Amino acid sequence: MSPKPNPAKFSPELTLGISELDSQHEALFSMLGRIDAVSPDMYRQLDDDETDEMLDIMNDLKDSVMQHFSFEENLMDEADYPGLDDQQDAHERFLDDIIRMEAELMNGTSVPPVKLHGFLADWFDGHIREMVLPFAEFRKESAK
């Protein structure tokens, strides 16, 4: 059975009009395809080799989101965005969740790929819609 296509994609309604952030968000969504490719059955527990591969993906993801979060928070700070503290809190909680899932994998508690993929797809989409789009609007209004 071949891996299923990535159903979660960066969609036009998530576009902020801030090219660097849009590119970074699109790249984060594209990482979900790597999770899908780890196992032909997204609901099956991972074997040892698949677990190692998933840990590599999570490490790459962690590096990418930390760079992205830093960039995003710097933009918000420069704009004196009043929602920066909430944004930082959300980023910290997200990283805590990723670290927890990573620890589960390292401790032998296999996380099925569908759980990680679903969490990430939902978080990326919800975070952009609820926290980053309002920043983009604030930035546009402040530029007027």
C-alpha atoms as a PDB file:
ATOM      1  CA  MET A   1       0.000   0.000   0.000  1.00  0.00           C
ATOM      2  CA  SER A   2       1.475   3.373  -0.943  1.00  0.00           C
ATOM      3  CA  PRO A   3       1.366   6.345   1.399  1.00  0.00           C
ATOM      4  CA  LYS A   4      -1.766   8.423   1.087  1.00  0.00           C
ATOM      5  CA  PRO A   5      -1.422  11.963  -0.216  1.00  0.00           C
ATOM      6  CA  ASN A   6      -1.120  14.721   2.337  1.00  0.00           C
ATOM      7  CA  PRO A   7      -4.690  15.943   2.935  1.00  0.00           C
ATOM      8  CA  ALA A   8      -3.569  18.999   4.920  1.00  0.00           C
ATOM      9  CA  LYS A   9      -2.243  21.716   2.707  1.00  0.00           C
ATOM     10  CA  PHE A  10      -1.502  25.385   2.979  1.00  0.00           C
ATOM     11  CA  SER A  11      -4.643  26.937   1.544  1.00  0.00           C
ATOM     12  CA  PRO A  12      -5.206  30.380   0.018  1.00  0.00           C
ATOM     13  CA  GLU A  13      -7.339  31.548   2.949  1.00  0.00           C
ATOM     14  CA  LEU A  14      -4.250  31.164   5.181  1.00  0.00           C
ATOM     15  CA  THR A  15      -2.275  33.645   3.078  1.00  0.00           C
ATOM     16  CA  LEU A  16      -1.220  36.667   5.099  1.00  0.00           C
ATOM     17  CA  GLY A  17       0.270  38.837   2.397  1.00  0.00           C
ATOM     18  CA  ILE A  18       3.606  38.734   4.213  1.00  0.00           C
ATOM     19  CA  SER A  19       5.652  36.718   1.746  1.00  0.00           C
ATOM     20  CA  GLU A  20       8.295  35.392   4.150  1.00  0.00           C
ATOM     21  CA  LEU A  21       5.679  34.182   6.654  1.00  0.00           C
ATOM     22  CA  ASP A  22       3.511  32.716   3.902  1.00  0.00           C
ATOM     23  CA  SER A  23       6.523  30.784   2.567  1.00  0.00           C
ATOM     24  CA  GLN A  24       7.413  29.533   6.033  1.00  0.00           C
ATOM     25  CA  HIS A  25       3.837  28.449   6.750  1.00  0.00           C
ATOM     26  CA  GLU A  26       3.669  26.638   3.434  1.00  0.00           C
ATOM     27  CA  ALA A  27       6.957  24.851   4.218  1.00  0.00           C
ATOM     28  CA  LEU A  28       5.626  23.736   7.610  1.00  0.00           C
ATOM     29  CA  PHE A  29       2.524  22.266   5.998  1.00  0.00           C
ATOM     30  CA  SER A  30       4.686  20.484   3.415  1.00  0.00           C
ATOM     31  CA  MET A  31       6.557  18.726   6.238  1.00  0.00           C
ATOM     32  CA  LEU A  32       3.341  16.845   6.995  1.00  0.00           C
ATOM     33  CA  GLY A  33       3.903  14.833   3.815  1.00  0.00           C
ATOM     34  CA  ARG A  34       7.074  13.421   5.358  1.00  0.00           C
ATOM     35  CA  ILE A  35       5.024  12.078   8.260  1.00  0.00           C
ATOM     36  CA  ASP A  36       2.607  10.421   5.841  1.00  0.00           C
ATOM     37  CA  ALA A  37       5.508   8.722   4.055  1.00  0.00           C
ATOM     38  CA  VAL A  38       6.893   7.054   7.199  1.00  0.00           C
ATOM     39  CA  SER A  39       4.338   4.254   7.207  1.00  0.00           C
ATOM     40  CA  PRO A  40       1.908   2.898   4.637  1.00  0.00           C
ATOM     41  CA  ASP A  41      -0.689   2.585   7.413  1.00  0.00           C
ATOM     42  CA  MET A  42      -1.118   5.845   9.302  1.00  0.00           C
ATOM     43  CA  TYR A  43      -3.055   4.088  12.083  1.00  0.00           C
ATOM     44  CA  ARG A  44      -0.536   1.346  12.826  1.00  0.00           C
ATOM     45  CA  GLN A  45       2.009   1.659  15.586  1.00  0.00           C
ATOM     46  CA  LEU A  46       5.469   2.357  14.207  1.00  0.00           C
ATOM     47  CA  ASP A  47       8.229  -0.248  14.163  1.00  0.00           C
ATOM     48  CA  ASP A  48      11.750   0.665  15.370  1.00  0.00           C
ATOM     49  CA  ASP A  49      13.017   1.918  11.995  1.00  0.00           C
ATOM     50  CA  GLU A  50       9.870   3.970  11.434  1.00  0.00           C
ATOM     51  CA  THR A  51      10.155   5.383  14.950  1.00  0.00           C
ATOM     52  CA  ASP A  52      13.721   6.493  14.221  1.00  0.00           C
ATOM     53  CA  GLU A  53      12.550   8.115  11.002  1.00  0.00           C
ATOM     54  CA  MET A  54       9.690   9.845  12.816  1.00  0.00           C
ATOM     55  CA  LEU A  55      12.111  11.160  15.447  1.00  0.00           C
ATOM     56  CA  ASP A  56      14.279  12.607  12.654  1.00  0.00           C
ATOM     57  CA  ILE A  57      11.215  14.326  11.185  1.00  0.00           C
ATOM     58  CA  MET A  58      10.211  15.693  14.575  1.00  0.00           C
ATOM     59  CA  ASN A  59      13.730  17.007  15.108  1.00  0.00           C
ATOM     60  CA  ASP A  60      13.636  18.766  11.721  1.00  0.00           C
ATOM     61  CA  LEU A  61      10.180  20.082  12.505  1.00  0.00           C
ATOM     62  CA  LYS A  62      11.292  21.393  15.884  1.00  0.00           C
ATOM     63  CA  ASP A  63      14.239  23.210  14.278  1.00  0.00           C
ATOM     64  CA  SER A  64      11.991  24.682  11.575  1.00  0.00           C
ATOM     65  CA  VAL A  65       9.286  25.877  13.947  1.00  0.00           C
ATOM     66  CA  MET A  66      11.787  27.394  16.362  1.00  0.00           C
ATOM     67  CA  GLN A  67      13.295  29.456  13.536  1.00  0.00           C
ATOM     68  CA  HIS A  68       9.823  30.334  12.253  1.00  0.00           C
ATOM     69  CA  PHE A  69       8.505  31.286  15.694  1.00  0.00           C
ATOM     70  CA  SER A  70      11.516  33.526  16.288  1.00  0.00           C
ATOM     71  CA  PHE A  71      10.995  35.274  12.946  1.00  0.00           C
ATOM     72  CA  GLU A  72       7.248  35.651  13.523  1.00  0.00           C
ATOM     73  CA  GLU A  73       7.700  36.982  17.059  1.00  0.00           C
ATOM     74  CA  ASN A  74      10.345  39.474  15.883  1.00  0.00           C
ATOM     75  CA  LEU A  75       7.923  40.817  13.251  1.00  0.00           C
ATOM     76  CA  MET A  76       5.248  41.161  15.923  1.00  0.00           C
ATOM     77  CA  ASP A  77       7.651  42.874  18.300  1.00  0.00           C
ATOM     78  CA  GLU A  78       8.747  45.350  15.615  1.00  0.00           C
ATOM     79  CA  ALA A  79       5.090  46.164  14.915  1.00  0.00           C
ATOM     80  CA  ASP A  80       4.304  46.588  18.649  1.00  0.00           C
ATOM     81  CA  TYR A  81       1.618  43.966  18.225  1.00  0.00           C
ATOM     82  CA  PRO A  82      -0.480  43.711  21.414  1.00  0.00           C
ATOM     83  CA  GLY A  83      -0.999  39.953  20.914  1.00  0.00           C
ATOM     84  CA  LEU A  84       2.714  39.104  21.091  1.00  0.00           C
ATOM     85  CA  ASP A  85       2.557  37.651  24.623  1.00  0.00           C
ATOM     86  CA  ASP A  86      -0.313  35.340  23.667  1.00  0.00           C
ATOM     87  CA  GLN A  87       1.603  34.317  20.557  1.00  0.00           C
ATOM     88  CA  GLN A  88       4.702  33.469  22.587  1.00  0.00           C
ATOM     89  CA  ASP A  89       2.605  31.449  25.053  1.00  0.00           C
ATOM     90  CA  ALA A  90       1.005  29.490  22.185  1.00  0.00           C
ATOM     91  CA  HIS A  91       4.420  28.810  20.661  1.00  0.00           C
ATOM     92  CA  GLU A  92       5.764  27.552  24.001  1.00  0.00           C
ATOM     93  CA  ARG A  93       2.774  25.230  24.498  1.00  0.00           C
ATOM     94  CA  PHE A  94       3.200  23.889  20.960  1.00  0.00           C
ATOM     95  CA  LEU A  95       6.893  23.134  21.542  1.00  0.00           C
ATOM     96  CA  ASP A  96       6.020  21.471  24.864  1.00  0.00           C
ATOM     97  CA  ASP A  97       3.535  19.230  23.022  1.00  0.00           C
ATOM     98  CA  ILE A  98       6.124  18.309  20.369  1.00  0.00           C
ATOM     99  CA  ILE A  99       8.715  17.529  23.044  1.00  0.00           C
ATOM    100  CA  ARG A 100       6.152  15.377  24.901  1.00  0.00           C
ATOM    101  CA  MET A 101       5.322  13.398  21.730  1.00  0.00           C
ATOM    102  CA  GLU A 102       9.021  13.032  20.989  1.00  0.00           C
ATOM    103  CA  ALA A 103       9.587  11.668  24.512  1.00  0.00           C
ATOM    104  CA  GLU A 104       6.729   9.189  24.040  1.00  0.00           C
ATOM    105  CA  LEU A 105       8.413   7.890  20.894  1.00  0.00           C
ATOM    106  CA  MET A 106      11.834   7.676  22.572  1.00  0.00           C
ATOM    107  CA  ASN A 107      10.359   5.840  25.562  1.00  0.00           C
ATOM    108  CA  GLY A 108       8.785   3.193  23.372  1.00  0.00           C
ATOM    109  CA  THR A 109       5.253   4.536  23.479  1.00  0.00           C
ATOM    110  CA  SER A 110       4.708   4.514  19.776  1.00  0.00           C
ATOM    111  CA  VAL A 111       2.654   7.389  18.460  1.00  0.00           C
ATOM    112  CA  PRO A 112       0.740   6.436  15.306  1.00  0.00           C
ATOM    113  CA  PRO A 113       1.553   8.822  12.438  1.00  0.00           C
ATOM    114  CA  VAL A 114      -2.107   9.840  12.163  1.00  0.00           C
ATOM    115  CA  LYS A 115      -1.990  11.281  15.696  1.00  0.00           C
ATOM    116  CA  LEU A 116       1.049  13.438  15.004  1.00  0.00           C
ATOM    117  CA  HIS A 117      -0.156  14.450  11.543  1.00  0.00           C
ATOM    118  CA  GLY A 118      -3.605  15.380  12.845  1.00  0.00           C
ATOM    119  CA  PHE A 119      -2.215  17.372  15.741  1.00  0.00           C
ATOM    120  CA  LEU A 120       0.163  19.326  13.508  1.00  0.00           C
ATOM    121  CA  ALA A 121      -2.337  19.968  10.710  1.00  0.00           C
ATOM    122  CA  ASP A 122      -4.963  21.191  13.177  1.00  0.00           C
ATOM    123  CA  TRP A 123      -2.487  23.297  15.134  1.00  0.00           C
ATOM    124  CA  PHE A 124      -0.910  24.971  12.087  1.00  0.00           C
ATOM    125  CA  ASP A 125      -4.301  25.753  10.551  1.00  0.00           C
ATOM    126  CA  GLY A 126      -5.898  26.958  13.779  1.00  0.00           C
ATOM    127  CA  HIS A 127      -2.892  28.967  14.869  1.00  0.00           C
ATOM    128  CA  ILE A 128      -2.616  30.809  11.574  1.00  0.00           C
ATOM    129  CA  ARG A 129      -6.350  31.520  11.450  1.00  0.00           C
ATOM    130  CA  GLU A 130      -6.757  32.548  15.076  1.00  0.00           C
ATOM    131  CA  MET A 131      -3.461  34.247  15.903  1.00  0.00           C
ATOM    132  CA  VAL A 132      -1.399  35.103  12.838  1.00  0.00           C
ATOM    133  CA  LEU A 133      -4.101  36.386  10.481  1.00  0.00           C
ATOM    134  CA  PRO A 134      -5.147  38.966  13.100  1.00  0.00           C
ATOM    135  CA  PHE A 135      -1.508  40.091  13.258  1.00  0.00           C
ATOM    136  CA  ALA A 136      -1.404  40.485   9.464  1.00  0.00           C
ATOM    137  CA  GLU A 137      -4.560  42.630   9.664  1.00  0.00           C
ATOM    138  CA  PHE A 138      -3.077  44.690  12.492  1.00  0.00           C
ATOM    139  CA  ARG A 139       0.093  45.199  10.456  1.00  0.00           C
ATOM    140  CA  LYS A 140      -1.908  46.312   7.402  1.00  0.00           C
ATOM    141  CA  GLU A 141      -3.965  48.756   9.468  1.00  0.00           C
ATOM    142  CA  SER A 142      -0.861  50.140  11.181  1.00  0.00           C
ATOM    143  CA  ALA A 143       0.780  50.798   7.799  1.00  0.00           C
ATOM    144  CA  LYS A 144      -2.100  53.087   6.703  1.00  0.00           C
END
